[in-house]
Amino acid sequence: MKNLVLIIVILGALGGAIFLFTQQGGSSMQARQEAGMRHYVDPTTLDSDNPSGVSLTVAEFKDRASSGNPLVAPNGSSDLVQAGVCPTDGKYYALVGHAQKPETCPHCETDLSGYDHDGNPL
């Protein structure tokens, strides 16, 4: 009987540890996602030397969305599309389809396959 109680206590402690570990993992993943940026660019400026866009943290984006403030590029345009930022030249490029990166930067031809939308190495 004493061994059965000991086994139950050990299993309870192990279950609690697993629960806490998985909950912390989920919150750190959410923190990484919250730390990311969202980029938007005026599609009429994509062929220019300096595409006009705006970058916001996820928290800033949520604040703007909840307050009803529209996104506006530095050139005053509110007709924006989702974008990424090139890791080499820092210029915006439009995301295609379901927020997919092009294979190369349309400005400098950098291979984007090893980078996220923020221009950080994967």
PDB file of N, CA and C in Angstrom:
ATOM      1  N   MET A   1       0.816  -1.188   0.000  1.00  0.00           N
ATOM      2  CA  MET A   1       0.000   0.000   0.000  1.00  0.00           C
ATOM      3  C   MET A   1       0.861   1.254   0.000  1.00  0.00           C
ATOM      4  N   LYS A   2       1.937   1.230   0.783  1.00  0.00           N
ATOM      5  CA  LYS A   2       2.827   2.372   0.859  1.00  0.00           C
ATOM      6  C   LYS A   2       3.479   2.633  -0.498  1.00  0.00           C
ATOM      7  N   ASN A   3       3.853   1.552  -1.207  1.00  0.00           N
ATOM      8  CA  ASN A   3       4.459   1.699  -2.534  1.00  0.00           C
ATOM      9  C   ASN A   3       3.468   2.280  -3.539  1.00  0.00           C
ATOM     10  N   LEU A   4       2.210   1.914  -3.444  1.00  0.00           N
ATOM     11  CA  LEU A   4       1.184   2.425  -4.347  1.00  0.00           C
ATOM     12  C   LEU A   4       1.020   3.942  -4.165  1.00  0.00           C
ATOM     13  N   VAL A   5       1.001   4.411  -2.934  1.00  0.00           N
ATOM     14  CA  VAL A   5       0.895   5.856  -2.653  1.00  0.00           C
ATOM     15  C   VAL A   5       2.118   6.577  -3.203  1.00  0.00           C
ATOM     16  N   LEU A   6       3.286   6.001  -3.018  1.00  0.00           N
ATOM     17  CA  LEU A   6       4.521   6.604  -3.516  1.00  0.00           C
ATOM     18  C   LEU A   6       4.496   6.703  -5.042  1.00  0.00           C
ATOM     19  N   ILE A   7       4.024   5.677  -5.719  1.00  0.00           N
ATOM     20  CA  ILE A   7       3.931   5.679  -7.179  1.00  0.00           C
ATOM     21  C   ILE A   7       2.948   6.762  -7.642  1.00  0.00           C
ATOM     22  N   ILE A   8       1.822   6.880  -6.958  1.00  0.00           N
ATOM     23  CA  ILE A   8       0.827   7.895  -7.325  1.00  0.00           C
ATOM     24  C   ILE A   8       1.407   9.301  -7.153  1.00  0.00           C
ATOM     25  N   VAL A   9       2.126   9.520  -6.075  1.00  0.00           N
ATOM     26  CA  VAL A   9       2.749  10.837  -5.838  1.00  0.00           C
ATOM     27  C   VAL A   9       3.782  11.136  -6.918  1.00  0.00           C
ATOM     28  N   ILE A  10       4.587  10.169  -7.279  1.00  0.00           N
ATOM     29  CA  ILE A  10       5.605  10.363  -8.319  1.00  0.00           C
ATOM     30  C   ILE A  10       4.946  10.663  -9.660  1.00  0.00           C
ATOM     31  N   LEU A  11       3.908   9.904 -10.019  1.00  0.00           N
ATOM     32  CA  LEU A  11       3.202  10.145 -11.278  1.00  0.00           C
ATOM     33  C   LEU A  11       2.546  11.520 -11.295  1.00  0.00           C
ATOM     34  N   GLY A  12       1.994  11.946 -10.165  1.00  0.00           N
ATOM     35  CA  GLY A  12       1.394  13.280 -10.069  1.00  0.00           C
ATOM     36  C   GLY A  12       2.435  14.368 -10.256  1.00  0.00           C
ATOM     37  N   ALA A  13       3.582  14.213  -9.640  1.00  0.00           N
ATOM     38  CA  ALA A  13       4.666  15.196  -9.772  1.00  0.00           C
ATOM     39  C   ALA A  13       5.178  15.244 -11.203  1.00  0.00           C
ATOM     40  N   LEU A  14       5.329  14.078 -11.819  1.00  0.00           N
ATOM     41  CA  LEU A  14       5.784  14.017 -13.209  1.00  0.00           C
ATOM     42  C   LEU A  14       4.766  14.676 -14.140  1.00  0.00           C
ATOM     43  N   GLY A  15       3.489  14.389 -13.927  1.00  0.00           N
ATOM     44  CA  GLY A  15       2.439  15.012 -14.737  1.00  0.00           C
ATOM     45  C   GLY A  15       2.428  16.524 -14.575  1.00  0.00           C
ATOM     46  N   GLY A  16       2.599  16.996 -13.354  1.00  0.00           N
ATOM     47  CA  GLY A  16       2.648  18.442 -13.106  1.00  0.00           C
ATOM     48  C   GLY A  16       3.841  19.093 -13.789  1.00  0.00           C
ATOM     49  N   ALA A  17       4.977  18.426 -13.741  1.00  0.00           N
ATOM     50  CA  ALA A  17       6.177  18.961 -14.401  1.00  0.00           C
ATOM     51  C   ALA A  17       5.987  19.038 -15.905  1.00  0.00           C
ATOM     52  N   ILE A  18       5.402  18.012 -16.483  1.00  0.00           N
ATOM     53  CA  ILE A  18       5.149  18.011 -17.933  1.00  0.00           C
ATOM     54  C   ILE A  18       4.174  19.127 -18.289  1.00  0.00           C
ATOM     55  N   PHE A  19       3.123  19.299 -17.500  1.00  0.00           N
ATOM     56  CA  PHE A  19       2.153  20.354 -17.758  1.00  0.00           C
ATOM     57  C   PHE A  19       2.824  21.729 -17.722  1.00  0.00           C
ATOM     58  N   LEU A  20       3.605  21.997 -16.697  1.00  0.00           N
ATOM     59  CA  LEU A  20       4.278  23.299 -16.588  1.00  0.00           C
ATOM     60  C   LEU A  20       5.258  23.518 -17.727  1.00  0.00           C
ATOM     61  N   PHE A  21       5.983  22.494 -18.107  1.00  0.00           N
ATOM     62  CA  PHE A  21       6.941  22.614 -19.200  1.00  0.00           C
ATOM     63  C   PHE A  21       6.248  22.955 -20.507  1.00  0.00           C
ATOM     64  N   THR A  22       5.147  22.280 -20.806  1.00  0.00           N
ATOM     65  CA  THR A  22       4.444  22.544 -22.067  1.00  0.00           C
ATOM     66  C   THR A  22       3.781  23.914 -22.048  1.00  0.00           C
ATOM     67  N   GLN A  23       3.302  24.372 -20.919  1.00  0.00           N
ATOM     68  CA  GLN A  23       2.689  25.700 -20.840  1.00  0.00           C
ATOM     69  C   GLN A  23       3.735  26.788 -21.043  1.00  0.00           C
ATOM     70  N   GLN A  24       4.915  26.628 -20.493  1.00  0.00           N
ATOM     71  CA  GLN A  24       5.975  27.616 -20.680  1.00  0.00           C
ATOM     72  C   GLN A  24       6.450  27.616 -22.119  1.00  0.00           C
ATOM     73  N   GLY A  25       6.516  26.456 -22.748  1.00  0.00           N
ATOM     74  CA  GLY A  25       6.915  26.393 -24.153  1.00  0.00           C
ATOM     75  C   GLY A  25       5.936  27.134 -25.036  1.00  0.00           C
ATOM     76  N   GLY A  26       4.656  26.998 -24.752  1.00  0.00           N
ATOM     77  CA  GLY A  26       3.641  27.689 -25.531  1.00  0.00           C
ATOM     78  C   GLY A  26       3.727  29.188 -25.367  1.00  0.00           C
ATOM     79  N   SER A  27       3.984  29.649 -24.132  1.00  0.00           N
ATOM     80  CA  SER A  27       4.051  31.090 -23.920  1.00  0.00           C
ATOM     81  C   SER A  27       5.300  31.680 -24.557  1.00  0.00           C
ATOM     82  N   SER A  28       6.407  30.946 -24.595  1.00  0.00           N
ATOM     83  CA  SER A  28       7.604  31.485 -25.236  1.00  0.00           C
ATOM     84  C   SER A  28       7.420  31.527 -26.747  1.00  0.00           C
ATOM     85  N   MET A  29       6.676  30.564 -27.318  1.00  0.00           N
ATOM     86  CA  MET A  29       6.398  30.607 -28.750  1.00  0.00           C
ATOM     87  C   MET A  29       5.535  31.829 -29.057  1.00  0.00           C
ATOM     88  N   GLN A  30       4.544  32.080 -28.215  1.00  0.00           N
ATOM     89  CA  GLN A  30       3.690  33.250 -28.414  1.00  0.00           C
ATOM     90  C   GLN A  30       4.520  34.520 -28.271  1.00  0.00           C
ATOM     91  N   ALA A  31       5.447  34.549 -27.334  1.00  0.00           N
ATOM     92  CA  ALA A  31       6.298  35.727 -27.161  1.00  0.00           C
ATOM     93  C   ALA A  31       7.156  35.962 -28.401  1.00  0.00           C
ATOM     94  N   ARG A  32       7.671  34.885 -28.998  1.00  0.00           N
ATOM     95  CA  ARG A  32       8.464  35.041 -30.227  1.00  0.00           C
ATOM     96  C   ARG A  32       7.603  35.588 -31.352  1.00  0.00           C
ATOM     97  N   GLN A  33       6.355  35.106 -31.456  1.00  0.00           N
ATOM     98  CA  GLN A  33       5.465  35.600 -32.499  1.00  0.00           C
ATOM     99  C   GLN A  33       5.107  37.050 -32.248  1.00  0.00           C
ATOM    100  N   GLU A  34       4.884  37.426 -30.988  1.00  0.00           N
ATOM    101  CA  GLU A  34       4.549  38.801 -30.656  1.00  0.00           C
ATOM    102  C   GLU A  34       5.722  39.738 -30.930  1.00  0.00           C
ATOM    103  N   ALA A  35       6.949  39.229 -30.822  1.00  0.00           N
ATOM    104  CA  ALA A  35       8.122  40.062 -31.047  1.00  0.00           C
ATOM    105  C   ALA A  35       8.359  40.329 -32.528  1.00  0.00           C
ATOM    106  N   GLY A  36       7.744  39.535 -33.396  1.00  0.00           N
ATOM    107  CA  GLY A  36       7.928  39.701 -34.832  1.00  0.00           C
ATOM    108  C   GLY A  36       7.347  41.002 -35.341  1.00  0.00           C
ATOM    109  N   MET A  37       7.659  41.310 -36.560  1.00  0.00           N
ATOM    110  CA  MET A  37       7.181  42.536 -37.192  1.00  0.00           C
ATOM    111  C   MET A  37       6.190  42.188 -38.291  1.00  0.00           C
ATOM    112  N   ARG A  38       5.363  43.148 -38.614  1.00  0.00           N
ATOM    113  CA  ARG A  38       4.499  43.070 -39.788  1.00  0.00           C
ATOM    114  C   ARG A  38       4.887  44.233 -40.683  1.00  0.00           C
ATOM    115  N   HIS A  39       5.076  43.936 -41.943  1.00  0.00           N
ATOM    116  CA  HIS A  39       5.518  44.935 -42.911  1.00  0.00           C
ATOM    117  C   HIS A  39       4.457  45.103 -43.980  1.00  0.00           C
ATOM    118  N   TYR A  40       4.251  46.349 -44.396  1.00  0.00           N
ATOM    119  CA  TYR A  40       3.295  46.660 -45.456  1.00  0.00           C
ATOM    120  C   TYR A  40       3.950  47.664 -46.392  1.00  0.00           C
ATOM    121  N   VAL A  41       3.659  47.543 -47.684  1.00  0.00           N
ATOM    122  CA  VAL A  41       4.279  48.409 -48.677  1.00  0.00           C
ATOM    123  C   VAL A  41       3.223  48.877 -49.671  1.00  0.00           C
ATOM    124  N   ASP A  42       3.417  50.088 -50.188  1.00  0.00           N
ATOM    125  CA  ASP A  42       2.568  50.622 -51.247  1.00  0.00           C
ATOM    126  C   ASP A  42       2.989  49.929 -52.541  1.00  0.00           C
ATOM    127  N   PRO A  43       2.116  49.124 -53.169  1.00  0.00           N
ATOM    128  CA  PRO A  43       2.524  48.353 -54.350  1.00  0.00           C
ATOM    129  C   PRO A  43       2.910  49.229 -55.542  1.00  0.00           C
ATOM    130  N   THR A  44       2.451  50.464 -55.576  1.00  0.00           N
ATOM    131  CA  THR A  44       2.812  51.337 -56.703  1.00  0.00           C
ATOM    132  C   THR A  44       4.251  51.816 -56.607  1.00  0.00           C
ATOM    133  N   THR A  45       4.906  51.622 -55.453  1.00  0.00           N
ATOM    134  CA  THR A  45       6.295  52.072 -55.286  1.00  0.00           C
ATOM    135  C   THR A  45       7.298  50.931 -55.344  1.00  0.00           C
ATOM    136  N   LEU A  46       6.835  49.698 -55.593  1.00  0.00           N
ATOM    137  CA  LEU A  46       7.736  48.547 -55.560  1.00  0.00           C
ATOM    138  C   LEU A  46       8.847  48.622 -56.601  1.00  0.00           C
ATOM    139  N   ASP A  47       8.598  49.236 -57.730  1.00  0.00           N
ATOM    140  CA  ASP A  47       9.622  49.321 -58.771  1.00  0.00           C
ATOM    141  C   ASP A  47      10.561  50.507 -58.577  1.00  0.00           C
ATOM    142  N   SER A  48      10.328  51.305 -57.563  1.00  0.00           N
ATOM    143  CA  SER A  48      11.186  52.470 -57.325  1.00  0.00           C
ATOM    144  C   SER A  48      12.436  52.055 -56.548  1.00  0.00           C
ATOM    145  N   ASP A  49      13.378  52.976 -56.449  1.00  0.00           N
ATOM    146  CA  ASP A  49      14.599  52.708 -55.684  1.00  0.00           C
ATOM    147  C   ASP A  49      14.334  52.662 -54.189  1.00  0.00           C
ATOM    148  N   ASN A  50      13.226  53.263 -53.749  1.00  0.00           N
ATOM    149  CA  ASN A  50      12.915  53.302 -52.324  1.00  0.00           C
ATOM    150  C   ASN A  50      11.426  53.019 -52.112  1.00  0.00           C
ATOM    151  N   PRO A  51      11.023  51.736 -52.080  1.00  0.00           N
ATOM    152  CA  PRO A  51       9.612  51.411 -51.876  1.00  0.00           C
ATOM    153  C   PRO A  51       9.091  52.012 -50.567  1.00  0.00           C
ATOM    154  N   SER A  52       7.893  52.580 -50.599  1.00  0.00           N
ATOM    155  CA  SER A  52       7.312  53.229 -49.433  1.00  0.00           C
ATOM    156  C   SER A  52       6.504  52.225 -48.636  1.00  0.00           C
ATOM    157  N   GLY A  53       6.919  52.004 -47.400  1.00  0.00           N
ATOM    158  CA  GLY A  53       6.237  51.022 -46.573  1.00  0.00           C
ATOM    159  C   GLY A  53       6.268  51.395 -45.115  1.00  0.00           C
ATOM    160  N   VAL A  54       5.666  50.547 -44.316  1.00  0.00           N
ATOM    161  CA  VAL A  54       5.610  50.751 -42.881  1.00  0.00           C
ATOM    162  C   VAL A  54       5.820  49.406 -42.193  1.00  0.00           C
ATOM    163  N   SER A  55       6.543  49.416 -41.081  1.00  0.00           N
ATOM    164  CA  SER A  55       6.779  48.210 -40.278  1.00  0.00           C
ATOM    165  C   SER A  55       6.257  48.451 -38.869  1.00  0.00           C
ATOM    166  N   LEU A  56       5.517  47.488 -38.361  1.00  0.00           N
ATOM    167  CA  LEU A  56       4.935  47.580 -37.022  1.00  0.00           C
ATOM    168  C   LEU A  56       5.194  46.288 -36.270  1.00  0.00           C
ATOM    169  N   THR A  57       5.355  46.394 -34.952  1.00  0.00           N
ATOM    170  CA  THR A  57       5.376  45.178 -34.158  1.00  0.00           C
ATOM    171  C   THR A  57       3.958  44.624 -34.150  1.00  0.00           C
ATOM    172  N   VAL A  58       3.811  43.380 -33.763  1.00  0.00           N
ATOM    173  CA  VAL A  58       2.483  42.773 -33.708  1.00  0.00           C
ATOM    174  C   VAL A  58       1.606  43.551 -32.718  1.00  0.00           C
ATOM    175  N   ALA A  59       2.177  43.978 -31.588  1.00  0.00           N
ATOM    176  CA  ALA A  59       1.415  44.743 -30.597  1.00  0.00           C
ATOM    177  C   ALA A  59       0.947  46.076 -31.184  1.00  0.00           C
ATOM    178  N   GLU A  60       1.825  46.768 -31.914  1.00  0.00           N
ATOM    179  CA  GLU A  60       1.430  48.033 -32.550  1.00  0.00           C
ATOM    180  C   GLU A  60       0.326  47.801 -33.574  1.00  0.00           C
ATOM    181  N   PHE A  61       0.451  46.714 -34.343  1.00  0.00           N
ATOM    182  CA  PHE A  61      -0.562  46.385 -35.337  1.00  0.00           C
ATOM    183  C   PHE A  61      -1.916  46.148 -34.662  1.00  0.00           C
ATOM    184  N   LYS A  62      -1.927  45.383 -33.569  1.00  0.00           N
ATOM    185  CA  LYS A  62      -3.167  45.100 -32.845  1.00  0.00           C
ATOM    186  C   LYS A  62      -3.766  46.383 -32.279  1.00  0.00           C
ATOM    187  N   ASP A  63      -2.918  47.277 -31.728  1.00  0.00           N
ATOM    188  CA  ASP A  63      -3.409  48.549 -31.195  1.00  0.00           C
ATOM    189  C   ASP A  63      -4.079  49.381 -32.285  1.00  0.00           C
ATOM    190  N   ARG A  64      -3.444  49.459 -33.447  1.00  0.00           N
ATOM    191  CA  ARG A  64      -4.030  50.218 -34.554  1.00  0.00           C
ATOM    192  C   ARG A  64      -5.339  49.591 -35.016  1.00  0.00           C
ATOM    193  N   ALA A  65      -5.358  48.275 -35.120  1.00  0.00           N
ATOM    194  CA  ALA A  65      -6.562  47.592 -35.587  1.00  0.00           C
ATOM    195  C   ALA A  65      -7.722  47.799 -34.614  1.00  0.00           C
ATOM    196  N   SER A  66      -7.440  47.734 -33.316  1.00  0.00           N
ATOM    197  CA  SER A  66      -8.512  47.879 -32.327  1.00  0.00           C
ATOM    198  C   SER A  66      -8.990  49.322 -32.212  1.00  0.00           C
ATOM    199  N   SER A  67      -8.126  50.289 -32.515  1.00  0.00           N
ATOM    200  CA  SER A  67      -8.527  51.696 -32.416  1.00  0.00           C
ATOM    201  C   SER A  67      -9.074  52.234 -33.731  1.00  0.00           C
ATOM    202  N   GLY A  68      -9.021  51.438 -34.792  1.00  0.00           N
ATOM    203  CA  GLY A  68      -9.564  51.862 -36.076  1.00  0.00           C
ATOM    204  C   GLY A  68      -8.655  52.781 -36.872  1.00  0.00           C
ATOM    205  N   ASN A  69      -7.389  52.934 -36.451  1.00  0.00           N
ATOM    206  CA  ASN A  69      -6.451  53.780 -37.196  1.00  0.00           C
ATOM    207  C   ASN A  69      -5.940  53.023 -38.408  1.00  0.00           C
ATOM    208  N   PRO A  70      -6.099  53.597 -39.593  1.00  0.00           N
ATOM    209  CA  PRO A  70      -5.626  52.886 -40.787  1.00  0.00           C
ATOM    210  C   PRO A  70      -4.110  52.909 -40.900  1.00  0.00           C
ATOM    211  N   LEU A  71      -3.590  51.921 -41.587  1.00  0.00           N
ATOM    212  CA  LEU A  71      -2.164  51.902 -41.880  1.00  0.00           C
ATOM    213  C   LEU A  71      -1.907  52.867 -43.024  1.00  0.00           C
ATOM    214  N   VAL A  72      -0.891  53.684 -42.875  1.00  0.00           N
ATOM    215  CA  VAL A  72      -0.550  54.646 -43.911  1.00  0.00           C
ATOM    216  C   VAL A  72       0.960  54.612 -44.107  1.00  0.00           C
ATOM    217  N   ALA A  73       1.379  54.510 -45.369  1.00  0.00           N
ATOM    218  CA  ALA A  73       2.808  54.528 -45.699  1.00  0.00           C
ATOM    219  C   ALA A  73       3.336  55.965 -45.592  1.00  0.00           C
ATOM    220  N   PRO A  74       4.661  56.125 -45.512  1.00  0.00           N
ATOM    221  CA  PRO A  74       5.239  57.472 -45.431  1.00  0.00           C
ATOM    222  C   PRO A  74       4.831  58.388 -46.591  1.00  0.00           C
ATOM    223  N   ASN A  75       4.502  57.812 -47.744  1.00  0.00           N
ATOM    224  CA  ASN A  75       4.096  58.634 -48.883  1.00  0.00           C
ATOM    225  C   ASN A  75       2.614  59.001 -48.819  1.00  0.00           C
ATOM    226  N   GLY A  76       1.915  58.599 -47.735  1.00  0.00           N
ATOM    227  CA  GLY A  76       0.512  58.936 -47.558  1.00  0.00           C
ATOM    228  C   GLY A  76      -0.456  57.910 -48.105  1.00  0.00           C
ATOM    229  N   SER A  77       0.033  56.892 -48.758  1.00  0.00           N
ATOM    230  CA  SER A  77      -0.839  55.877 -49.345  1.00  0.00           C
ATOM    231  C   SER A  77      -1.377  54.942 -48.267  1.00  0.00           C
ATOM    232  N   SER A  78      -2.661  54.625 -48.374  1.00  0.00           N
ATOM    233  CA  SER A  78      -3.249  53.637 -47.468  1.00  0.00           C
ATOM    234  C   SER A  78      -3.579  52.348 -48.225  1.00  0.00           C
ATOM    235  N   ASP A  79      -3.217  52.286 -49.506  1.00  0.00           N
ATOM    236  CA  ASP A  79      -3.423  51.094 -50.326  1.00  0.00           C
ATOM    237  C   ASP A  79      -2.174  50.218 -50.202  1.00  0.00           C
ATOM    238  N   LEU A  80      -2.070  49.483 -49.081  1.00  0.00           N
ATOM    239  CA  LEU A  80      -0.860  48.731 -48.771  1.00  0.00           C
ATOM    240  C   LEU A  80      -1.093  47.235 -48.896  1.00  0.00           C
ATOM    241  N   VAL A  81      -0.022  46.503 -49.208  1.00  0.00           N
ATOM    242  CA  VAL A  81      -0.050  45.044 -49.255  1.00  0.00           C
ATOM    243  C   VAL A  81       0.998  44.509 -48.292  1.00  0.00           C
ATOM    244  N   GLN A  82       0.824  43.247 -47.872  1.00  0.00           N
ATOM    245  CA  GLN A  82       1.807  42.637 -46.970  1.00  0.00           C
ATOM    246  C   GLN A  82       3.165  42.573 -47.653  1.00  0.00           C
ATOM    247  N   ALA A  83       4.206  42.771 -46.860  1.00  0.00           N
ATOM    248  CA  ALA A  83       5.556  42.811 -47.417  1.00  0.00           C
ATOM    249  C   ALA A  83       6.542  42.111 -46.502  1.00  0.00           C
ATOM    250  N   GLY A  84       7.730  41.890 -47.056  1.00  0.00           N
ATOM    251  CA  GLY A  84       8.873  41.406 -46.306  1.00  0.00           C
ATOM    252  C   GLY A  84       9.988  42.421 -46.475  1.00  0.00           C
ATOM    253  N   VAL A  85      11.073  42.224 -45.735  1.00  0.00           N
ATOM    254  CA  VAL A  85      12.217  43.128 -45.820  1.00  0.00           C
ATOM    255  C   VAL A  85      13.447  42.324 -46.223  1.00  0.00           C
ATOM    256  N   CYS A  86      14.153  42.793 -47.247  1.00  0.00           N
ATOM    257  CA  CYS A  86      15.354  42.109 -47.721  1.00  0.00           C
ATOM    258  C   CYS A  86      16.467  42.217 -46.685  1.00  0.00           C
ATOM    259  N   PRO A  87      17.165  41.105 -46.385  1.00  0.00           N
ATOM    260  CA  PRO A  87      18.248  41.148 -45.404  1.00  0.00           C
ATOM    261  C   PRO A  87      19.485  41.876 -45.920  1.00  0.00           C
ATOM    262  N   THR A  88      19.607  42.033 -47.229  1.00  0.00           N
ATOM    263  CA  THR A  88      20.800  42.666 -47.796  1.00  0.00           C
ATOM    264  C   THR A  88      20.645  44.169 -47.957  1.00  0.00           C
ATOM    265  N   ASP A  89      19.562  44.593 -48.646  1.00  0.00           N
ATOM    266  CA  ASP A  89      19.435  46.024 -48.910  1.00  0.00           C
ATOM    267  C   ASP A  89      18.380  46.714 -48.044  1.00  0.00           C
ATOM    268  N   GLY A  90      17.621  45.938 -47.232  1.00  0.00           N
ATOM    269  CA  GLY A  90      16.639  46.512 -46.326  1.00  0.00           C
ATOM    270  C   GLY A  90      15.397  47.058 -47.003  1.00  0.00           C
ATOM    271  N   LYS A  91      15.224  46.784 -48.296  1.00  0.00           N
ATOM    272  CA  LYS A  91      14.060  47.290 -49.018  1.00  0.00           C
ATOM    273  C   LYS A  91      12.887  46.326 -48.887  1.00  0.00           C
ATOM    274  N   TYR A  92      11.687  46.890 -48.981  1.00  0.00           N
ATOM    275  CA  TYR A  92      10.474  46.088 -48.924  1.00  0.00           C
ATOM    276  C   TYR A  92      10.269  45.334 -50.231  1.00  0.00           C
ATOM    277  N   TYR A  93       9.688  44.134 -50.127  1.00  0.00           N
ATOM    278  CA  TYR A  93       9.226  43.390 -51.293  1.00  0.00           C
ATOM    279  C   TYR A  93       7.837  42.861 -50.957  1.00  0.00           C
ATOM    280  N   ALA A  94       6.973  42.754 -51.949  1.00  0.00           N
ATOM    281  CA  ALA A  94       5.602  42.282 -51.718  1.00  0.00           C
ATOM    282  C   ALA A  94       5.595  40.776 -51.498  1.00  0.00           C
ATOM    283  N   LEU A  95       4.762  40.328 -50.554  1.00  0.00           N
ATOM    284  CA  LEU A  95       4.531  38.903 -50.362  1.00  0.00           C
ATOM    285  C   LEU A  95       3.451  38.481 -51.345  1.00  0.00           C
ATOM    286  N   VAL A  96       3.529  37.261 -51.801  1.00  0.00           N
ATOM    287  CA  VAL A  96       2.594  36.777 -52.810  1.00  0.00           C
ATOM    288  C   VAL A  96       1.735  35.652 -52.241  1.00  0.00           C
ATOM    289  N   GLY A  97       0.566  35.449 -52.821  1.00  0.00           N
ATOM    290  CA  GLY A  97      -0.298  34.349 -52.378  1.00  0.00           C
ATOM    291  C   GLY A  97      -0.647  34.486 -50.911  1.00  0.00           C
ATOM    292  N   HIS A  98      -0.449  33.421 -50.167  1.00  0.00           N
ATOM    293  CA  HIS A  98      -0.731  33.419 -48.734  1.00  0.00           C
ATOM    294  C   HIS A  98       0.522  33.816 -47.968  1.00  0.00           C
ATOM    295  N   ALA A  99       0.953  35.053 -48.146  1.00  0.00           N
ATOM    296  CA  ALA A  99       2.113  35.635 -47.458  1.00  0.00           C
ATOM    297  C   ALA A  99       3.398  34.845 -47.716  1.00  0.00           C
ATOM    298  N   GLN A 100       3.604  34.453 -48.961  1.00  0.00           N
ATOM    299  CA  GLN A 100       4.814  33.727 -49.338  1.00  0.00           C
ATOM    300  C   GLN A 100       5.860  34.694 -49.891  1.00  0.00           C
ATOM    301  N   LYS A 101       7.115  34.450 -49.537  1.00  0.00           N
ATOM    302  CA  LYS A 101       8.215  35.267 -50.049  1.00  0.00           C
ATOM    303  C   LYS A 101       8.515  34.871 -51.487  1.00  0.00           C
ATOM    304  N   PRO A 102       8.993  35.831 -52.292  1.00  0.00           N
ATOM    305  CA  PRO A 102       9.533  35.440 -53.591  1.00  0.00           C
ATOM    306  C   PRO A 102      10.854  34.705 -53.362  1.00  0.00           C
ATOM    307  N   GLU A 103      11.355  34.012 -54.363  1.00  0.00           N
ATOM    308  CA  GLU A 103      12.614  33.267 -54.200  1.00  0.00           C
ATOM    309  C   GLU A 103      13.792  34.207 -54.000  1.00  0.00           C
ATOM    310  N   THR A 104      13.772  35.340 -54.713  1.00  0.00           N
ATOM    311  CA  THR A 104      14.867  36.310 -54.597  1.00  0.00           C
ATOM    312  C   THR A 104      14.298  37.705 -54.396  1.00  0.00           C
ATOM    313  N   CYS A 105      15.101  38.583 -53.840  1.00  0.00           N
ATOM    314  CA  CYS A 105      14.703  39.976 -53.675  1.00  0.00           C
ATOM    315  C   CYS A 105      14.570  40.606 -55.064  1.00  0.00           C
ATOM    316  N   PRO A 106      13.451  41.285 -55.339  1.00  0.00           N
ATOM    317  CA  PRO A 106      13.284  41.891 -56.661  1.00  0.00           C
ATOM    318  C   PRO A 106      14.208  43.071 -56.912  1.00  0.00           C
ATOM    319  N   HIS A 107      14.858  43.572 -55.881  1.00  0.00           N
ATOM    320  CA  HIS A 107      15.739  44.732 -56.033  1.00  0.00           C
ATOM    321  C   HIS A 107      17.198  44.336 -56.234  1.00  0.00           C
ATOM    322  N   CYS A 108      17.685  43.412 -55.377  1.00  0.00           N
ATOM    323  CA  CYS A 108      19.124  43.081 -55.420  1.00  0.00           C
ATOM    324  C   CYS A 108      19.397  41.617 -55.760  1.00  0.00           C
ATOM    325  N   GLU A 109      18.342  40.825 -55.973  1.00  0.00           N
ATOM    326  CA  GLU A 109      18.448  39.409 -56.345  1.00  0.00           C
ATOM    327  C   GLU A 109      19.028  38.516 -55.236  1.00  0.00           C
ATOM    328  N   THR A 110      19.019  38.961 -53.981  1.00  0.00           N
ATOM    329  CA  THR A 110      19.465  38.121 -52.874  1.00  0.00           C
ATOM    330  C   THR A 110      18.545  36.912 -52.746  1.00  0.00           C
ATOM    331  N   ASP A 111      19.100  35.720 -52.553  1.00  0.00           N
ATOM    332  CA  ASP A 111      18.310  34.512 -52.316  1.00  0.00           C
ATOM    333  C   ASP A 111      17.659  34.637 -50.935  1.00  0.00           C
ATOM    334  N   LEU A 112      16.328  34.621 -50.881  1.00  0.00           N
ATOM    335  CA  LEU A 112      15.593  34.822 -49.635  1.00  0.00           C
ATOM    336  C   LEU A 112      15.231  33.522 -48.928  1.00  0.00           C
ATOM    337  N   SER A 113      15.635  32.386 -49.467  1.00  0.00           N
ATOM    338  CA  SER A 113      15.205  31.099 -48.909  1.00  0.00           C
ATOM    339  C   SER A 113      15.697  30.864 -47.486  1.00  0.00           C
ATOM    340  N   GLY A 114      16.786  31.449 -47.072  1.00  0.00           N
ATOM    341  CA  GLY A 114      17.315  31.225 -45.726  1.00  0.00           C
ATOM    342  C   GLY A 114      16.929  32.298 -44.732  1.00  0.00           C
ATOM    343  N   TYR A 115      15.908  33.119 -45.060  1.00  0.00           N
ATOM    344  CA  TYR A 115      15.534  34.250 -44.211  1.00  0.00           C
ATOM    345  C   TYR A 115      14.032  34.278 -43.958  1.00  0.00           C
ATOM    346  N   ASP A 116      13.637  34.860 -42.830  1.00  0.00           N
ATOM    347  CA  ASP A 116      12.215  35.052 -42.580  1.00  0.00           C
ATOM    348  C   ASP A 116      11.771  36.370 -43.207  1.00  0.00           C
ATOM    349  N   HIS A 117      10.492  36.740 -43.017  1.00  0.00           N
ATOM    350  CA  HIS A 117       9.964  37.966 -43.624  1.00  0.00           C
ATOM    351  C   HIS A 117      10.607  39.235 -43.081  1.00  0.00           C
ATOM    352  N   ASP A 118      11.215  39.140 -41.892  1.00  0.00           N
ATOM    353  CA  ASP A 118      11.889  40.287 -41.285  1.00  0.00           C
ATOM    354  C   ASP A 118      13.326  40.425 -41.746  1.00  0.00           C
ATOM    355  N   GLY A 119      13.798  39.484 -42.567  1.00  0.00           N
ATOM    356  CA  GLY A 119      15.188  39.511 -43.019  1.00  0.00           C
ATOM    357  C   GLY A 119      16.152  38.839 -42.065  1.00  0.00           C
ATOM    358  N   ASN A 120      15.634  38.098 -41.088  1.00  0.00           N
ATOM    359  CA  ASN A 120      16.480  37.389 -40.120  1.00  0.00           C
ATOM    360  C   ASN A 120      16.771  35.981 -40.630  1.00  0.00           C
ATOM    361  N   PRO A 121      17.982  35.472 -40.386  1.00  0.00           N
ATOM    362  CA  PRO A 121      18.304  34.093 -40.796  1.00  0.00           C
ATOM    363  C   PRO A 121      17.371  33.105 -40.097  1.00  0.00           C
ATOM    364  N   LEU A 122      16.984  32.055 -40.833  1.00  0.00           N
ATOM    365  CA  LEU A 122      16.124  31.022 -40.235  1.00  0.00           C
ATOM    366  C   LEU A 122      16.928  30.122 -39.329  1.00  0.00           C
TER     367      LEU A 122
END
